[in-house]
């Protein structure tokens, strides 16, 4: 519940990443609940700053911080690209905390992390007790940020919430989901081995209620819908919205050859062994803790995902 003071003023919330995919879909709803200030590089932000290099000069104290700014979705082929993950996800978090110290730390800090921290390529109903074995630059940078925030919030008496999110669905998504839409639209997408693998996913709008629930509670939570849809069901959901586009199927062995060719082509190829694993291995995460502790009820992705 959003707290109000005697003058019925909304609590002040600082949001990073407000101009990104996630932020752009939820900031409007957050403004109904909170007095929102946006911080980031884009022109539409209230506080213009590049968190990778800057400690922003914040104009006031905030009650709640929702830190969604981060780097994701691209595969790092070079040491420079690998370092970018740490510059954005880890150093950016440290710079944000330094800025908050200058105006007074918030009551609550909510961090948007990822299920990639577990380092699992496959598995079912993985819960929050799983060790943080992620080894990619993305996962390692998020683990580093989580650990830094755990220490920082403890030292400053701040309620910390960590949201470990899977693939997030919503209009015009980036990353693998965006690539799937583009591929089906152009007829260049291939269904691999029946697309029977199941994936945890989350509707982007479900984050708003989750944020409001976490602001006074804190904790670490995996979040996803209850459906754990198959890749095929997501493909069909997209194809229907594109006028019933036909999806061409290929055997796994053929796809594996194409993926190895993609590895050799590097940046020039939209398909490689990394993406092949993403598409063909079942990987689901348990949302039982969030539902039991918070009373949170997620939206079904197959029933509600609109591509635009």
Protein backbone atom coordinates (compact mmCIF):
# COMPACT_ATOMS: atom_id res chain seq x y z
CA UNK A 1 0.00 0.00 0.00
CA UNK A 2 1.22 3.48 -0.82
CA UNK A 3 1.79 5.53 2.29
CA UNK A 4 0.41 9.06 2.52
CA UNK A 5 1.28 11.79 4.96
CA UNK A 6 -1.17 14.13 6.63
CA UNK A 7 -1.55 16.21 3.47
CA UNK A 8 -2.34 13.10 1.39
CA UNK A 9 0.77 13.55 -0.74
CA UNK A 10 2.06 10.60 -2.74
CA UNK A 11 5.36 9.08 -1.72
CA UNK A 12 8.32 10.10 -3.83
CA UNK A 13 9.79 7.39 -6.06
CA UNK A 14 12.98 7.50 -8.12
CA UNK A 15 12.92 5.23 -11.17
CA UNK A 16 15.93 4.33 -13.30
CA UNK A 17 15.44 2.71 -16.69
CA UNK A 18 12.14 4.52 -17.13
CA UNK A 19 12.71 5.06 -20.84
CA UNK A 20 13.59 1.42 -21.53
CA UNK A 21 11.26 -1.41 -22.49
CA UNK A 22 10.11 -2.20 -18.95
CA UNK A 23 10.01 1.35 -17.68
CA UNK A 24 8.10 2.68 -20.67
CA UNK A 25 5.28 0.20 -19.99
CA UNK A 26 4.92 0.73 -16.25
CA UNK A 27 5.88 4.34 -15.48
CA UNK A 28 2.39 5.57 -16.32
CA UNK A 29 0.85 3.23 -13.76
CA UNK A 30 3.53 4.01 -11.20
CA UNK A 31 2.69 7.71 -11.53
CA UNK A 32 -0.85 6.92 -10.40
CA UNK A 33 0.58 5.54 -7.15
CA UNK A 34 3.69 7.63 -6.57
CA UNK A 35 5.30 10.99 -7.27
CA UNK A 36 7.78 9.63 -9.82
CA UNK A 37 11.13 11.10 -10.86
CA UNK A 38 12.94 9.44 -13.78
CA UNK A 39 16.74 9.19 -13.88
CA UNK A 40 18.70 8.12 -16.95
CA UNK A 41 20.44 9.12 -20.16
CA UNK A 42 17.45 9.76 -22.43
CA UNK A 43 16.04 13.24 -22.94
CA UNK A 44 12.69 12.40 -21.34
CA UNK A 45 14.28 11.76 -17.94
CA UNK A 46 13.83 14.33 -15.18
CA UNK A 47 17.44 13.77 -14.06
CA UNK A 48 19.81 13.34 -17.02
CA UNK A 49 22.77 11.14 -16.13
CA UNK A 50 24.78 8.19 -17.41
CA UNK A 51 25.02 5.97 -14.34
CA UNK A 52 27.93 4.05 -15.81
CA UNK A 53 30.19 7.10 -15.41
CA UNK A 54 28.22 9.67 -13.39
CA UNK A 55 27.03 10.05 -9.84
CA UNK A 56 23.85 11.99 -10.62
CA UNK A 57 22.93 15.12 -8.69
CA UNK A 58 19.47 14.28 -7.38
CA UNK A 59 17.20 17.21 -6.53
CA UNK A 60 15.57 15.72 -3.43
CA UNK A 61 15.15 12.79 -1.09
CA UNK A 62 13.08 9.79 -2.24
CA UNK A 63 11.02 7.33 -0.22
CA UNK A 64 11.35 4.47 -2.71
CA UNK A 65 13.80 3.64 -5.48
CA UNK A 66 13.00 1.27 -8.33
CA UNK A 67 16.26 0.50 -10.10
CA UNK A 68 15.48 -1.04 -13.49
CA UNK A 69 18.30 0.46 -15.58
CA UNK A 70 20.63 -2.20 -16.88
CA UNK A 71 22.24 -3.89 -19.84
CA UNK A 72 20.81 -7.13 -21.20
CA UNK A 73 19.83 -9.03 -24.36
CA UNK A 74 23.10 -8.83 -26.33
CA UNK A 75 25.77 -11.53 -26.46
CA UNK A 76 29.23 -10.12 -25.61
CA UNK A 77 31.77 -11.23 -28.21
CA UNK A 78 34.73 -9.12 -27.03
CA UNK A 79 36.32 -8.17 -23.68
CA UNK A 80 35.08 -4.61 -24.18
CA UNK A 81 31.50 -5.83 -24.63
CA UNK A 82 31.86 -8.05 -21.55
CA UNK A 83 33.08 -5.10 -19.47
CA UNK A 84 30.06 -3.05 -20.53
CA UNK A 85 27.85 -5.36 -18.47
CA UNK A 86 29.81 -4.56 -15.32
CA UNK A 87 29.97 -0.84 -16.14
CA UNK A 88 26.20 -0.62 -16.51
CA UNK A 89 24.82 -3.20 -14.09
CA UNK A 90 27.38 -3.04 -11.27
CA UNK A 91 29.13 0.33 -11.43
CA UNK A 92 25.86 2.00 -12.38
CA UNK A 93 24.27 0.61 -9.22
CA UNK A 94 27.16 1.84 -7.07
CA UNK A 95 26.93 5.33 -8.60
CA UNK A 96 23.19 5.43 -7.94
CA UNK A 97 23.73 4.52 -4.30
CA UNK A 98 26.34 7.27 -3.93
CA UNK A 99 23.83 9.75 -5.32
CA UNK A 100 21.19 8.58 -2.86
CA UNK A 101 23.56 9.00 0.07
CA UNK A 102 23.97 12.67 -0.87
CA UNK A 103 20.22 13.39 -0.49
CA UNK A 104 19.41 10.85 2.20
CA UNK A 105 18.88 7.14 1.65
CA UNK A 106 15.39 5.90 0.76
CA UNK A 107 13.15 3.84 2.98
CA UNK A 108 12.94 1.12 0.33
CA UNK A 109 15.11 0.03 -2.61
CA UNK A 110 13.65 -2.33 -5.23
CA UNK A 111 16.15 -3.87 -7.66
CA UNK A 112 15.18 -5.54 -10.92
CA UNK A 113 17.53 -8.48 -11.27
CA UNK A 114 17.28 -11.65 -13.34
CA UNK A 115 16.91 -15.41 -13.05
CA UNK A 116 20.16 -15.58 -15.04
CA UNK A 117 21.98 -15.27 -11.70
CA UNK A 118 21.30 -18.98 -11.10
CA UNK A 119 23.31 -19.91 -14.18
CA UNK A 120 20.87 -22.59 -15.31
CA UNK A 121 20.54 -23.61 -18.94
CA UNK A 122 17.72 -26.02 -18.10
CA UNK A 123 15.65 -27.11 -15.13
CA UNK A 124 12.17 -26.90 -13.66
CA UNK A 125 10.70 -24.89 -10.76
CA UNK A 126 14.04 -23.47 -9.67
CA UNK A 127 13.48 -21.48 -6.48
CA UNK A 128 15.29 -18.73 -4.57
CA UNK A 129 17.38 -21.21 -2.57
CA UNK A 130 19.31 -22.21 -5.71
CA UNK A 131 22.98 -21.12 -5.62
CA UNK A 132 24.07 -18.15 -7.72
CA UNK A 133 26.11 -20.03 -10.30
CA UNK A 134 25.68 -17.64 -13.23
CA UNK A 135 28.91 -17.28 -15.20
CA UNK A 136 28.03 -14.99 -18.12
CA UNK A 137 29.03 -11.32 -17.91
CA UNK A 138 25.34 -10.47 -17.62
CA UNK A 139 24.77 -12.86 -14.72
CA UNK A 140 28.02 -11.99 -12.93
CA UNK A 141 27.32 -8.27 -13.15
CA UNK A 142 23.83 -8.77 -11.72
CA UNK A 143 25.17 -10.99 -8.92
CA UNK A 144 27.73 -8.31 -8.07
CA UNK A 145 25.00 -5.67 -7.96
CA UNK A 146 22.77 -7.84 -5.78
CA UNK A 147 25.58 -8.43 -3.30
CA UNK A 148 26.57 -4.77 -3.22
CA UNK A 149 22.99 -3.73 -2.58
CA UNK A 150 22.59 -6.34 0.15
CA UNK A 151 25.54 -4.85 2.04
CA UNK A 152 24.63 -1.23 1.27
CA UNK A 153 21.00 -1.55 2.34
CA UNK A 154 21.97 -3.37 5.53
CA UNK A 155 24.51 -0.69 6.40
CA UNK A 156 21.99 2.13 5.80
CA UNK A 157 18.86 0.51 7.21
CA UNK A 158 17.09 0.37 3.83
CA UNK A 159 14.45 -2.24 2.97
CA UNK A 160 15.83 -4.20 0.00
CA UNK A 161 13.71 -6.08 -2.52
CA UNK A 162 15.28 -8.08 -5.33
CA UNK A 163 13.04 -9.14 -8.21
CA UNK A 164 14.56 -12.01 -10.20
CA UNK A 165 12.69 -11.82 -13.48
CA UNK A 166 12.62 -14.21 -16.45
CA UNK A 167 11.76 -13.28 -20.03
CA UNK A 168 9.40 -10.30 -19.83
CA UNK A 169 6.57 -10.02 -22.35
CA UNK A 170 4.87 -6.85 -23.54
CA UNK A 171 4.35 -4.76 -26.67
CA UNK A 172 7.46 -4.38 -28.87
CA UNK A 173 9.79 -6.43 -26.66
CA UNK A 174 13.58 -6.50 -27.13
CA UNK A 175 15.94 -9.46 -26.98
CA UNK A 176 15.03 -13.02 -27.93
CA UNK A 177 11.30 -12.35 -27.84
CA UNK A 178 11.67 -9.39 -30.18
CA UNK A 179 13.84 -11.49 -32.48
CA UNK A 180 11.16 -14.20 -32.53
CA UNK A 181 8.52 -11.67 -33.56
CA UNK A 182 10.75 -10.23 -36.28
CA UNK A 183 11.60 -13.71 -37.57
CA UNK A 184 7.97 -14.87 -37.74
CA UNK A 185 6.94 -11.58 -39.39
CA UNK A 186 9.56 -11.95 -42.14
CA UNK A 187 9.25 -15.72 -42.55
CA UNK A 188 12.81 -16.30 -41.38
CA UNK A 189 11.92 -17.99 -38.11
CA UNK A 190 12.35 -21.76 -37.71
CA UNK A 191 10.51 -23.96 -35.24
CA UNK A 192 13.04 -26.35 -33.77
CA UNK A 193 12.11 -29.89 -32.78
CA UNK A 194 8.47 -29.07 -32.12
CA UNK A 195 9.24 -26.18 -29.72
CA UNK A 196 8.09 -28.25 -26.74
CA UNK A 197 10.41 -26.62 -24.21
CA UNK A 198 8.71 -24.65 -21.43
CA UNK A 199 9.85 -21.20 -20.34
CA UNK A 200 9.08 -18.94 -17.41
CA UNK A 201 7.74 -15.58 -18.58
CA UNK A 202 6.17 -12.52 -17.00
CA UNK A 203 3.78 -9.88 -18.31
CA UNK A 204 5.43 -6.49 -17.92
CA UNK A 205 2.39 -4.86 -16.29
CA UNK A 206 2.54 -7.37 -13.41
CA UNK A 207 5.58 -5.51 -12.09
CA UNK A 208 3.51 -2.53 -10.93
CA UNK A 209 1.52 -4.38 -8.29
CA UNK A 210 4.62 -6.30 -7.31
CA UNK A 211 6.54 -3.06 -6.68
CA UNK A 212 3.74 -1.70 -4.50
CA UNK A 213 3.65 -4.95 -2.51
CA UNK A 214 7.40 -5.02 -1.98
CA UNK A 215 7.94 -1.41 -0.95
CA UNK A 216 7.29 -2.06 2.73
CA UNK A 217 8.30 -5.71 2.87
CA UNK A 218 11.54 -6.50 1.06
CA UNK A 219 12.92 -9.91 0.15
CA UNK A 220 14.18 -11.87 -2.83
CA UNK A 221 11.58 -13.22 -5.23
CA UNK A 222 11.47 -15.13 -8.48
CA UNK A 223 8.53 -13.87 -10.53
CA UNK A 224 6.74 -15.46 -13.47
CA UNK A 225 3.28 -16.35 -14.65
CA UNK A 226 1.70 -19.67 -13.63
CA UNK A 227 1.47 -21.00 -17.18
CA UNK A 228 5.15 -21.72 -17.86
CA UNK A 229 4.21 -21.74 -21.58
CA UNK A 230 5.83 -23.84 -24.24
CA UNK A 231 7.86 -22.07 -26.90
CA UNK A 232 5.30 -23.36 -29.43
CA UNK A 233 2.44 -21.61 -27.61
CA UNK A 234 4.31 -18.30 -27.72
CA UNK A 235 5.13 -18.82 -31.40
CA UNK A 236 1.46 -19.42 -32.17
CA UNK A 237 0.38 -16.39 -30.12
CA UNK A 238 2.72 -14.23 -32.20
CA UNK A 239 1.78 -15.86 -35.52
CA UNK A 240 -1.94 -15.26 -34.91
CA UNK A 241 -1.34 -11.56 -34.29
CA UNK A 242 0.63 -11.38 -37.53
CA UNK A 243 -2.29 -12.65 -39.55
CA UNK A 244 -1.70 -16.36 -39.16
CA UNK A 245 1.87 -16.49 -40.43
CA UNK A 246 3.14 -20.00 -41.18
CA UNK A 247 6.05 -21.22 -39.08
CA UNK A 248 8.52 -23.55 -40.78
CA UNK A 249 9.73 -26.47 -38.64
CA UNK A 250 13.19 -28.06 -38.82
CA UNK A 251 14.72 -31.04 -36.98
CA UNK A 252 17.02 -30.25 -34.08
CA UNK A 253 20.04 -31.71 -35.93
CA UNK A 254 19.60 -29.25 -38.79
CA UNK A 255 19.22 -26.35 -36.38
CA UNK A 256 22.41 -27.39 -34.59
CA UNK A 257 24.37 -27.16 -37.85
CA UNK A 258 22.91 -23.72 -38.56
CA UNK A 259 23.80 -22.61 -35.04
CA UNK A 260 27.44 -23.66 -35.47
CA UNK A 261 27.59 -21.69 -38.71
CA UNK A 262 26.16 -18.74 -36.81
CA UNK A 263 28.93 -19.08 -34.22
CA UNK A 264 31.50 -18.68 -36.98
CA UNK A 265 29.75 -15.64 -38.44
CA UNK A 266 29.59 -13.89 -35.05
CA UNK A 267 27.72 -10.57 -35.07
CA UNK A 268 26.56 -11.14 -38.64
CA UNK A 269 24.31 -14.05 -37.65
CA UNK A 270 21.03 -13.78 -35.72
CA UNK A 271 21.28 -17.45 -34.71
CA UNK A 272 23.99 -19.35 -32.81
CA UNK A 273 24.42 -22.18 -30.30
CA UNK A 274 23.65 -19.80 -27.42
CA UNK A 275 20.25 -18.98 -28.90
CA UNK A 276 19.67 -22.62 -29.84
CA UNK A 277 19.99 -23.61 -26.18
CA UNK A 278 17.69 -20.78 -25.16
CA UNK A 279 14.97 -22.02 -27.52
CA UNK A 280 15.15 -25.76 -26.94
CA UNK A 281 15.80 -26.33 -23.23
CA UNK A 282 13.01 -26.23 -20.64
CA UNK A 283 13.84 -23.64 -18.00
CA UNK A 284 11.23 -22.68 -15.43
CA UNK A 285 11.35 -20.92 -12.08
CA UNK A 286 9.08 -21.24 -9.08
CA UNK A 287 6.94 -18.22 -8.19
CA UNK A 288 5.59 -19.94 -5.05
CA UNK A 289 7.35 -17.63 -2.59
CA UNK A 290 6.01 -14.44 -4.17
CA UNK A 291 2.48 -15.86 -4.24
CA UNK A 292 2.60 -17.14 -0.67
CA UNK A 293 4.40 -14.22 0.98
CA UNK A 294 2.88 -11.34 -0.97
CA UNK A 295 -0.46 -12.69 -2.14
CA UNK A 296 0.71 -11.81 -5.65
CA UNK A 297 -1.29 -13.22 -8.56
CA UNK A 298 0.40 -13.07 -11.98
CA UNK A 299 -1.24 -12.68 -15.37
CA UNK A 300 -1.18 -15.48 -17.94
CA UNK A 301 1.31 -14.63 -20.70
CA UNK A 302 -0.27 -16.72 -23.50
CA UNK A 303 -3.66 -15.13 -22.80
CA UNK A 304 -2.48 -11.54 -22.55
CA UNK A 305 0.68 -11.05 -24.62
CA UNK A 306 0.17 -8.45 -27.34
CA UNK A 307 3.13 -7.89 -29.63
CA UNK A 308 2.30 -4.21 -30.25
